[in-house]
Amino acid sequence: MAPSRSTPMRISLVYTIYFLWVEPLFALAGTYLCLFDPARFLTGTVPVPGLSIETKIISPVSHLILTNIGSLYVLFAIVEGITLRVTKEREVWFTILGALLISDVGHLYAAYSIAPSHASDFMSWNSDEWINYGTLTLGFLLRLAFMLGLGRNRIDAKDKSRTFHLGVESIALD
């Protein structure tokens, strides 16, 4: 196998805690709700103005969709919580977090599209919406900050000095 040309990074503690622990655990909690308490999942995920149907009875089609969503949450937890844990290579982190950033845009758009005025009125959110959309927005902002280089250090292979990246520029920290 050819040696990797990827540059190793020192990952900020904030990113480490959120991407390797918090978000994967939240994804597994979402899986649990999709599979074992789908009505609760729907009431916690769909913005209140958009939730005009009774969610106590889950149709077979809804059950199928929620089972698939739960499976995707498991995949999400594995990709983020395990794959990122085993490497510090810049290209791997960028690829995974970039893909998840695009996914975040889709999730945020879905919440916005069902109730545009409610999605931007943070003060009207209930506790479920704060947990769901608050953590989704936080994950989006942390991924965006990571992609922009905030709080991300690179180990310079030549002199092992720490380098802090701000976008396309590098600033030596030694």
C-alpha atoms as a PDB file:
ATOM      1  CA  MET A   1       0.000   0.000   0.000  1.00  0.00           C
ATOM      2  CA  ALA A   2       1.343   3.471  -0.873  1.00  0.00           C
ATOM      3  CA  PRO A   3       2.155   5.772   2.033  1.00  0.00           C
ATOM      4  CA  SER A   4      -0.415   8.440   2.776  1.00  0.00           C
ATOM      5  CA  ARG A   5       0.352  11.992   1.719  1.00  0.00           C
ATOM      6  CA  SER A   6      -2.271  13.368   4.039  1.00  0.00           C
ATOM      7  CA  THR A   7      -1.247  15.870   6.655  1.00  0.00           C
ATOM      8  CA  PRO A   8      -2.002  14.884  10.252  1.00  0.00           C
ATOM      9  CA  MET A   9      -3.819  17.425  12.411  1.00  0.00           C
ATOM     10  CA  ARG A  10      -4.244  18.222  16.058  1.00  0.00           C
ATOM     11  CA  ILE A  11      -7.968  18.433  16.567  1.00  0.00           C
ATOM     12  CA  SER A  12      -9.451  21.002  18.957  1.00  0.00           C
ATOM     13  CA  LEU A  13     -11.013  19.590  22.130  1.00  0.00           C
ATOM     14  CA  VAL A  14     -14.359  21.171  21.191  1.00  0.00           C
ATOM     15  CA  TYR A  15     -14.401  19.305  17.864  1.00  0.00           C
ATOM     16  CA  THR A  16     -13.206  16.099  19.500  1.00  0.00           C
ATOM     17  CA  ILE A  17     -15.934  16.140  22.134  1.00  0.00           C
ATOM     18  CA  TYR A  18     -18.736  17.116  19.769  1.00  0.00           C
ATOM     19  CA  PHE A  19     -17.859  15.075  16.664  1.00  0.00           C
ATOM     20  CA  LEU A  20     -16.542  11.952  18.387  1.00  0.00           C
ATOM     21  CA  TRP A  21     -18.882  11.730  21.378  1.00  0.00           C
ATOM     22  CA  VAL A  22     -21.883  14.062  21.560  1.00  0.00           C
ATOM     23  CA  GLU A  23     -23.194  13.876  18.011  1.00  0.00           C
ATOM     24  CA  PRO A  24     -22.770  10.090  17.591  1.00  0.00           C
ATOM     25  CA  LEU A  25     -24.602   9.533  20.893  1.00  0.00           C
ATOM     26  CA  PHE A  26     -27.405  11.864  19.783  1.00  0.00           C
ATOM     27  CA  ALA A  27     -27.605   9.935  16.492  1.00  0.00           C
ATOM     28  CA  LEU A  28     -27.971   6.660  18.397  1.00  0.00           C
ATOM     29  CA  ALA A  29     -30.673   8.257  20.560  1.00  0.00           C
ATOM     30  CA  GLY A  30     -32.449   9.239  17.331  1.00  0.00           C
ATOM     31  CA  THR A  31     -32.159   5.645  16.148  1.00  0.00           C
ATOM     32  CA  TYR A  32     -33.776   4.442  19.363  1.00  0.00           C
ATOM     33  CA  LEU A  33     -36.666   6.872  18.925  1.00  0.00           C
ATOM     34  CA  CYS A  34     -37.171   5.956  15.252  1.00  0.00           C
ATOM     35  CA  LEU A  35     -37.350   2.259  16.058  1.00  0.00           C
ATOM     36  CA  PHE A  36     -39.017   2.129  19.468  1.00  0.00           C
ATOM     37  CA  ASP A  37     -40.911   5.412  19.920  1.00  0.00           C
ATOM     38  CA  PRO A  38     -41.674   6.744  16.439  1.00  0.00           C
ATOM     39  CA  ALA A  39     -44.491   9.034  17.601  1.00  0.00           C
ATOM     40  CA  ARG A  40     -42.076  10.763  19.983  1.00  0.00           C
ATOM     41  CA  PHE A  41     -39.497  11.036  17.202  1.00  0.00           C
ATOM     42  CA  LEU A  42     -42.021  12.743  14.914  1.00  0.00           C
ATOM     43  CA  THR A  43     -43.253  15.177  17.556  1.00  0.00           C
ATOM     44  CA  GLY A  44     -39.656  16.078  18.385  1.00  0.00           C
ATOM     45  CA  THR A  45     -38.539  16.447  14.780  1.00  0.00           C
ATOM     46  CA  VAL A  46     -41.365  18.073  12.837  1.00  0.00           C
ATOM     47  CA  PRO A  47     -41.843  21.784  13.656  1.00  0.00           C
ATOM     48  CA  VAL A  48     -45.063  22.363  15.608  1.00  0.00           C
ATOM     49  CA  PRO A  49     -46.940  24.305  12.874  1.00  0.00           C
ATOM     50  CA  GLY A  50     -46.128  21.516  10.411  1.00  0.00           C
ATOM     51  CA  LEU A  51     -47.313  18.726  12.685  1.00  0.00           C
ATOM     52  CA  SER A  52     -51.032  18.799  11.967  1.00  0.00           C
ATOM     53  CA  ILE A  53     -51.608  15.044  11.962  1.00  0.00           C
ATOM     54  CA  GLU A  54     -52.062  12.657  14.831  1.00  0.00           C
ATOM     55  CA  THR A  55     -48.785  10.805  15.390  1.00  0.00           C
ATOM     56  CA  LYS A  56     -49.998   8.165  17.827  1.00  0.00           C
ATOM     57  CA  ILE A  57     -50.724   5.732  14.990  1.00  0.00           C
ATOM     58  CA  ILE A  58     -47.783   5.156  12.676  1.00  0.00           C
ATOM     59  CA  SER A  59     -48.708   3.878   9.215  1.00  0.00           C
ATOM     60  CA  PRO A  60     -46.703   1.027   7.663  1.00  0.00           C
ATOM     61  CA  VAL A  61     -45.140   3.498   5.195  1.00  0.00           C
ATOM     62  CA  SER A  62     -44.159   5.868   8.021  1.00  0.00           C
ATOM     63  CA  HIS A  63     -42.750   2.916   9.947  1.00  0.00           C
ATOM     64  CA  LEU A  64     -40.669   1.912   6.914  1.00  0.00           C
ATOM     65  CA  ILE A  65     -39.357   5.464   6.486  1.00  0.00           C
ATOM     66  CA  LEU A  66     -38.561   5.830  10.190  1.00  0.00           C
ATOM     67  CA  THR A  67     -36.752   2.478  10.233  1.00  0.00           C
ATOM     68  CA  ASN A  68     -34.639   3.668   7.312  1.00  0.00           C
ATOM     69  CA  ILE A  69     -33.938   6.977   9.054  1.00  0.00           C
ATOM     70  CA  GLY A  70     -32.917   5.069  12.192  1.00  0.00           C
ATOM     71  CA  SER A  71     -30.552   2.949  10.110  1.00  0.00           C
ATOM     72  CA  LEU A  72     -29.024   6.080   8.581  1.00  0.00           C
ATOM     73  CA  TYR A  73     -28.508   7.506  12.074  1.00  0.00           C
ATOM     74  CA  VAL A  74     -26.530   4.365  12.963  1.00  0.00           C
ATOM     75  CA  LEU A  75     -24.431   4.879   9.832  1.00  0.00           C
ATOM     76  CA  PHE A  76     -23.943   8.524  10.808  1.00  0.00           C
ATOM     77  CA  ALA A  77     -22.801   7.523  14.309  1.00  0.00           C
ATOM     78  CA  ILE A  78     -20.338   4.968  12.909  1.00  0.00           C
ATOM     79  CA  VAL A  79     -18.900   7.283  10.270  1.00  0.00           C
ATOM     80  CA  GLU A  80     -18.488  10.215  12.620  1.00  0.00           C
ATOM     81  CA  GLY A  81     -17.870   8.494  15.933  1.00  0.00           C
ATOM     82  CA  ILE A  82     -15.605   5.679  14.760  1.00  0.00           C
ATOM     83  CA  THR A  83     -14.040   6.645  11.433  1.00  0.00           C
ATOM     84  CA  LEU A  84     -12.963  10.096  12.634  1.00  0.00           C
ATOM     85  CA  ARG A  85     -11.669   8.552  15.854  1.00  0.00           C
ATOM     86  CA  VAL A  86      -9.151   6.315  14.060  1.00  0.00           C
ATOM     87  CA  THR A  87      -7.502   9.026  11.980  1.00  0.00           C
ATOM     88  CA  LYS A  88      -6.211  12.574  12.243  1.00  0.00           C
ATOM     89  CA  GLU A  89      -5.652  12.841   8.503  1.00  0.00           C
ATOM     90  CA  ARG A  90      -6.862  16.133   7.119  1.00  0.00           C
ATOM     91  CA  GLU A  91      -8.382  14.704   3.926  1.00  0.00           C
ATOM     92  CA  VAL A  92     -10.461  12.130   5.804  1.00  0.00           C
ATOM     93  CA  TRP A  93     -11.833  14.684   8.256  1.00  0.00           C
ATOM     94  CA  PHE A  94     -12.556  17.167   5.454  1.00  0.00           C
ATOM     95  CA  THR A  95     -14.326  14.557   3.349  1.00  0.00           C
ATOM     96  CA  ILE A  96     -16.534  13.280   6.168  1.00  0.00           C
ATOM     97  CA  LEU A  97     -17.326  16.631   7.759  1.00  0.00           C
ATOM     98  CA  GLY A  98     -17.867  18.216   4.336  1.00  0.00           C
ATOM     99  CA  ALA A  99     -20.397  15.526   3.433  1.00  0.00           C
ATOM    100  CA  LEU A 100     -22.143  15.964   6.787  1.00  0.00           C
ATOM    101  CA  LEU A 101     -22.169  19.750   6.285  1.00  0.00           C
ATOM    102  CA  ILE A 102     -24.053  19.261   3.011  1.00  0.00           C
ATOM    103  CA  SER A 103     -26.445  16.918   4.826  1.00  0.00           C
ATOM    104  CA  ASP A 104     -26.962  19.580   7.519  1.00  0.00           C
ATOM    105  CA  VAL A 105     -28.071  22.041   4.840  1.00  0.00           C
ATOM    106  CA  GLY A 106     -30.698  19.521   3.731  1.00  0.00           C
ATOM    107  CA  HIS A 107     -31.940  19.004   7.294  1.00  0.00           C
ATOM    108  CA  LEU A 108     -32.106  22.747   7.964  1.00  0.00           C
ATOM    109  CA  TYR A 109     -33.918  23.324   4.679  1.00  0.00           C
ATOM    110  CA  ALA A 110     -36.441  20.582   5.491  1.00  0.00           C
ATOM    111  CA  ALA A 111     -37.280  22.217   8.830  1.00  0.00           C
ATOM    112  CA  TYR A 112     -37.479  25.633   7.206  1.00  0.00           C
ATOM    113  CA  SER A 113     -39.591  24.523   4.243  1.00  0.00           C
ATOM    114  CA  ILE A 114     -42.390  23.044   6.335  1.00  0.00           C
ATOM    115  CA  ALA A 115     -42.815  26.186   8.484  1.00  0.00           C
ATOM    116  CA  PRO A 116     -40.617  29.106   7.292  1.00  0.00           C
ATOM    117  CA  SER A 117     -41.871  31.718   9.755  1.00  0.00           C
ATOM    118  CA  HIS A 118     -41.566  29.299  12.682  1.00  0.00           C
ATOM    119  CA  ALA A 119     -38.083  28.075  11.747  1.00  0.00           C
ATOM    120  CA  SER A 120     -36.618  31.569  12.052  1.00  0.00           C
ATOM    121  CA  ASP A 121     -38.602  32.515  15.177  1.00  0.00           C
ATOM    122  CA  PHE A 122     -36.299  30.937  17.765  1.00  0.00           C
ATOM    123  CA  MET A 123     -38.268  32.352  20.680  1.00  0.00           C
ATOM    124  CA  SER A 124     -41.343  30.332  19.672  1.00  0.00           C
ATOM    125  CA  TRP A 125     -39.503  27.003  19.606  1.00  0.00           C
ATOM    126  CA  ASN A 126     -40.552  24.395  22.155  1.00  0.00           C
ATOM    127  CA  SER A 127     -38.013  22.311  24.096  1.00  0.00           C
ATOM    128  CA  ASP A 128     -37.998  19.509  21.509  1.00  0.00           C
ATOM    129  CA  GLU A 129     -37.285  21.982  18.723  1.00  0.00           C
ATOM    130  CA  TRP A 130     -34.460  23.561  20.711  1.00  0.00           C
ATOM    131  CA  ILE A 131     -32.877  20.154  21.225  1.00  0.00           C
ATOM    132  CA  ASN A 132     -33.376  19.024  17.625  1.00  0.00           C
ATOM    133  CA  TYR A 133     -32.761  22.225  15.663  1.00  0.00           C
ATOM    134  CA  GLY A 134     -30.376  23.692  18.210  1.00  0.00           C
ATOM    135  CA  THR A 135     -28.034  20.700  18.021  1.00  0.00           C
ATOM    136  CA  LEU A 136     -28.450  20.529  14.240  1.00  0.00           C
ATOM    137  CA  THR A 137     -27.504  24.208  13.926  1.00  0.00           C
ATOM    138  CA  LEU A 138     -24.611  23.786  16.365  1.00  0.00           C
ATOM    139  CA  GLY A 139     -23.289  20.812  14.383  1.00  0.00           C
ATOM    140  CA  PHE A 140     -23.602  22.807  11.153  1.00  0.00           C
ATOM    141  CA  LEU A 141     -21.728  25.778  12.649  1.00  0.00           C
ATOM    142  CA  LEU A 142     -18.983  23.577  14.131  1.00  0.00           C
ATOM    143  CA  ARG A 143     -18.499  21.749  10.827  1.00  0.00           C
ATOM    144  CA  LEU A 144     -18.392  25.067   8.980  1.00  0.00           C
ATOM    145  CA  ALA A 145     -15.839  26.451  11.466  1.00  0.00           C
ATOM    146  CA  PHE A 146     -13.728  23.322  11.049  1.00  0.00           C
ATOM    147  CA  MET A 147     -13.861  23.580   7.253  1.00  0.00           C
ATOM    148  CA  LEU A 148     -12.813  27.243   7.494  1.00  0.00           C
ATOM    149  CA  GLY A 149      -9.841  26.228   9.630  1.00  0.00           C
ATOM    150  CA  LEU A 150     -10.886  27.654  12.991  1.00  0.00           C
ATOM    151  CA  GLY A 151      -9.324  25.747  15.893  1.00  0.00           C
ATOM    152  CA  ARG A 152      -7.605  23.250  13.661  1.00  0.00           C
ATOM    153  CA  ASN A 153      -3.855  22.648  13.980  1.00  0.00           C
ATOM    154  CA  ARG A 154      -1.592  20.863  11.551  1.00  0.00           C
ATOM    155  CA  ILE A 155       1.662  19.110  12.411  1.00  0.00           C
ATOM    156  CA  ASP A 156       4.320  20.372  10.005  1.00  0.00           C
ATOM    157  CA  ALA A 157       6.188  17.256   8.875  1.00  0.00           C
ATOM    158  CA  LYS A 158       9.476  19.145   8.410  1.00  0.00           C
ATOM    159  CA  ASP A 159       9.982  20.714  11.822  1.00  0.00           C
ATOM    160  CA  LYS A 160       7.033  19.311  13.807  1.00  0.00           C
ATOM    161  CA  SER A 161       5.994  22.858  14.744  1.00  0.00           C
ATOM    162  CA  ARG A 162       2.336  23.534  15.295  1.00  0.00           C
ATOM    163  CA  THR A 163       0.592  25.478  12.571  1.00  0.00           C
ATOM    164  CA  PHE A 164      -2.831  27.042  12.962  1.00  0.00           C
ATOM    165  CA  HIS A 165      -4.923  27.359   9.793  1.00  0.00           C
ATOM    166  CA  LEU A 166      -7.248  30.248   9.139  1.00  0.00           C
ATOM    167  CA  GLY A 167      -8.808  29.506   5.792  1.00  0.00           C
ATOM    168  CA  VAL A 168      -6.022  29.397   3.218  1.00  0.00           C
ATOM    169  CA  GLU A 169      -3.381  31.092   5.381  1.00  0.00           C
ATOM    170  CA  SER A 170      -1.192  29.422   8.000  1.00  0.00           C
ATOM    171  CA  ILE A 171       0.180  30.989  11.154  1.00  0.00           C
ATOM    172  CA  ALA A 172       2.996  29.291  13.076  1.00  0.00           C
ATOM    173  CA  LEU A 173       2.224  29.008  16.786  1.00  0.00           C
ATOM    174  CA  ASP A 174       5.754  28.314  18.058  1.00  0.00           C
END
